[in-house]
Amino acid sequence: MSERMTYSVPGMHCGHCEHAVSTQLRAVSGVEAVDVDLESKIVTVRGASLCDGALRAAIEAAGYRAT
């Protein structure tokens, strides 16, 4: 079953930010898709058996903080 988790990532502002966050999130087990909206600074992750802690850690590994 596919889940969806959404995060606000206020520090994102450019294509590099989008790429860094997306790359880190796609490396997390279970992640099937990542959608980054720079205008609203919202990241949506879809996948199976998603772990909130692992997703937040991936966003932090990219240099950002998820709220």
N, C-alpha and C. Protein backbone atom coordinates (compact mmCIF):
# COMPACT_ATOMS: atom_id res chain seq x y z
N MET A 1 0.85 -1.19 0.00
CA MET A 1 0.00 0.00 0.00
C MET A 1 0.89 1.25 0.00
N SER A 2 0.57 2.18 -0.82
CA SER A 2 1.35 3.41 -0.95
C SER A 2 0.89 4.46 0.07
N GLU A 3 1.86 5.10 0.67
CA GLU A 3 1.61 6.17 1.64
C GLU A 3 2.07 7.49 1.05
N ARG A 4 1.63 8.58 1.67
CA ARG A 4 2.10 9.92 1.27
C ARG A 4 2.43 10.70 2.54
N MET A 5 3.62 11.31 2.54
CA MET A 5 4.02 12.17 3.65
C MET A 5 4.43 13.51 3.09
N THR A 6 4.06 14.58 3.78
CA THR A 6 4.32 15.93 3.30
C THR A 6 5.09 16.70 4.36
N TYR A 7 6.10 17.46 3.89
CA TYR A 7 6.95 18.24 4.78
C TYR A 7 7.09 19.67 4.26
N SER A 8 7.15 20.61 5.17
CA SER A 8 7.50 21.98 4.83
C SER A 8 9.01 22.08 5.02
N VAL A 9 9.70 22.59 3.98
CA VAL A 9 11.16 22.73 4.04
C VAL A 9 11.48 24.19 3.68
N PRO A 10 11.39 25.09 4.67
CA PRO A 10 11.48 26.53 4.42
C PRO A 10 12.78 27.02 3.78
N GLY A 11 13.89 26.31 3.93
CA GLY A 11 15.16 26.79 3.41
C GLY A 11 15.36 26.61 1.91
N MET A 12 14.49 25.88 1.24
CA MET A 12 14.65 25.65 -0.20
C MET A 12 14.28 26.90 -0.99
N HIS A 13 15.11 27.21 -2.02
CA HIS A 13 14.78 28.39 -2.82
C HIS A 13 15.22 28.29 -4.28
N CYS A 14 15.89 27.18 -4.67
CA CYS A 14 16.37 27.10 -6.05
C CYS A 14 16.40 25.66 -6.53
N GLY A 15 16.77 25.49 -7.79
CA GLY A 15 16.86 24.16 -8.38
C GLY A 15 17.87 23.27 -7.69
N HIS A 16 18.97 23.86 -7.22
CA HIS A 16 19.98 23.07 -6.49
C HIS A 16 19.37 22.52 -5.21
N CYS A 17 18.61 23.32 -4.52
CA CYS A 17 17.94 22.88 -3.29
C CYS A 17 17.01 21.70 -3.60
N GLU A 18 16.23 21.87 -4.64
CA GLU A 18 15.28 20.82 -5.06
C GLU A 18 16.03 19.52 -5.36
N HIS A 19 17.12 19.62 -6.10
CA HIS A 19 17.88 18.44 -6.48
C HIS A 19 18.49 17.76 -5.25
N ALA A 20 19.06 18.54 -4.35
CA ALA A 20 19.70 17.98 -3.16
C ALA A 20 18.70 17.23 -2.29
N VAL A 21 17.56 17.84 -2.04
CA VAL A 21 16.53 17.22 -1.21
C VAL A 21 15.97 15.97 -1.90
N SER A 22 15.65 16.08 -3.18
CA SER A 22 15.09 14.95 -3.92
C SER A 22 16.05 13.77 -3.95
N THR A 23 17.32 14.03 -4.19
CA THR A 23 18.31 12.97 -4.26
C THR A 23 18.42 12.22 -2.94
N GLN A 24 18.49 12.96 -1.85
CA GLN A 24 18.58 12.32 -0.54
C GLN A 24 17.33 11.50 -0.22
N LEU A 25 16.16 12.04 -0.53
CA LEU A 25 14.92 11.34 -0.23
C LEU A 25 14.76 10.09 -1.08
N ARG A 26 15.14 10.14 -2.34
CA ARG A 26 15.00 8.96 -3.21
C ARG A 26 15.88 7.80 -2.76
N ALA A 27 16.91 8.10 -1.98
CA ALA A 27 17.81 7.05 -1.48
C ALA A 27 17.23 6.31 -0.27
N VAL A 28 16.14 6.81 0.29
CA VAL A 28 15.52 6.19 1.47
C VAL A 28 14.69 4.98 1.03
N SER A 29 14.84 3.90 1.75
CA SER A 29 14.10 2.68 1.46
C SER A 29 12.59 2.93 1.44
N GLY A 30 11.94 2.42 0.41
CA GLY A 30 10.48 2.52 0.29
C GLY A 30 9.99 3.72 -0.50
N VAL A 31 10.86 4.71 -0.75
CA VAL A 31 10.43 5.91 -1.47
C VAL A 31 10.26 5.58 -2.96
N GLU A 32 9.08 5.90 -3.48
CA GLU A 32 8.77 5.67 -4.88
C GLU A 32 8.78 6.95 -5.70
N ALA A 33 8.40 8.07 -5.07
CA ALA A 33 8.34 9.35 -5.80
C ALA A 33 8.51 10.51 -4.83
N VAL A 34 9.13 11.57 -5.33
CA VAL A 34 9.34 12.79 -4.55
C VAL A 34 8.89 13.96 -5.41
N ASP A 35 8.05 14.82 -4.84
CA ASP A 35 7.59 16.03 -5.53
C ASP A 35 7.98 17.23 -4.68
N VAL A 36 8.75 18.16 -5.28
CA VAL A 36 9.18 19.36 -4.56
C VAL A 36 8.53 20.58 -5.21
N ASP A 37 7.83 21.37 -4.42
CA ASP A 37 7.23 22.62 -4.89
C ASP A 37 8.01 23.76 -4.24
N LEU A 38 8.89 24.38 -5.03
CA LEU A 38 9.74 25.44 -4.48
C LEU A 38 8.95 26.67 -4.05
N GLU A 39 7.89 26.97 -4.76
CA GLU A 39 7.10 28.16 -4.43
C GLU A 39 6.49 28.05 -3.03
N SER A 40 5.90 26.91 -2.74
CA SER A 40 5.28 26.73 -1.42
C SER A 40 6.25 26.12 -0.41
N LYS A 41 7.42 25.65 -0.90
CA LYS A 41 8.44 25.02 -0.07
C LYS A 41 7.92 23.75 0.60
N ILE A 42 7.12 23.01 -0.17
CA ILE A 42 6.52 21.76 0.31
C ILE A 42 7.12 20.59 -0.46
N VAL A 43 7.47 19.54 0.28
CA VAL A 43 7.98 18.31 -0.30
C VAL A 43 6.99 17.20 0.02
N THR A 44 6.56 16.47 -1.01
CA THR A 44 5.67 15.34 -0.83
C THR A 44 6.40 14.08 -1.25
N VAL A 45 6.37 13.09 -0.39
CA VAL A 45 7.04 11.81 -0.65
C VAL A 45 5.97 10.72 -0.69
N ARG A 46 6.05 9.87 -1.71
CA ARG A 46 5.13 8.75 -1.83
C ARG A 46 5.94 7.45 -1.84
N GLY A 47 5.38 6.43 -1.20
CA GLY A 47 6.05 5.15 -1.19
C GLY A 47 5.38 4.18 -0.25
N ALA A 48 6.06 3.05 -0.03
CA ALA A 48 5.53 2.00 0.83
C ALA A 48 6.33 1.94 2.12
N SER A 49 5.64 1.79 3.22
CA SER A 49 6.27 1.65 4.55
C SER A 49 7.28 2.77 4.82
N LEU A 50 6.84 4.00 4.62
CA LEU A 50 7.73 5.15 4.83
C LEU A 50 7.98 5.38 6.31
N CYS A 51 9.19 5.77 6.63
CA CYS A 51 9.59 6.05 8.02
C CYS A 51 9.84 7.56 8.15
N ASP A 52 9.02 8.21 8.97
CA ASP A 52 9.14 9.65 9.15
C ASP A 52 10.56 10.05 9.58
N GLY A 53 11.14 9.33 10.51
CA GLY A 53 12.48 9.64 10.98
C GLY A 53 13.53 9.57 9.89
N ALA A 54 13.43 8.54 9.04
CA ALA A 54 14.39 8.38 7.94
C ALA A 54 14.22 9.48 6.90
N LEU A 55 12.99 9.89 6.65
CA LEU A 55 12.74 10.96 5.68
C LEU A 55 13.26 12.30 6.21
N ARG A 56 13.00 12.58 7.48
CA ARG A 56 13.51 13.81 8.08
C ARG A 56 15.04 13.82 8.09
N ALA A 57 15.65 12.67 8.37
CA ALA A 57 17.11 12.57 8.38
C ALA A 57 17.67 12.82 6.98
N ALA A 58 16.98 12.36 5.95
CA ALA A 58 17.42 12.57 4.57
C ALA A 58 17.36 14.04 4.21
N ILE A 59 16.31 14.72 4.63
CA ILE A 59 16.19 16.15 4.37
C ILE A 59 17.31 16.90 5.09
N GLU A 60 17.59 16.52 6.32
CA GLU A 60 18.68 17.15 7.08
C GLU A 60 20.03 16.86 6.44
N ALA A 61 20.21 15.65 5.88
CA ALA A 61 21.47 15.29 5.21
C ALA A 61 21.71 16.16 3.99
N ALA A 62 20.61 16.65 3.40
CA ALA A 62 20.71 17.55 2.25
C ALA A 62 21.01 18.98 2.69
N GLY A 63 20.96 19.23 4.01
CA GLY A 63 21.29 20.55 4.53
C GLY A 63 20.09 21.42 4.87
N TYR A 64 18.92 20.79 5.04
CA TYR A 64 17.69 21.54 5.30
C TYR A 64 16.99 20.96 6.51
N ARG A 65 16.01 21.69 7.01
CA ARG A 65 15.22 21.24 8.14
C ARG A 65 13.77 21.10 7.72
N ALA A 66 13.19 19.96 8.05
CA ALA A 66 11.78 19.71 7.73
C ALA A 66 10.92 20.08 8.93
N THR A 67 9.80 20.74 8.66
CA THR A 67 8.87 21.07 9.75
C THR A 67 7.53 20.47 9.45
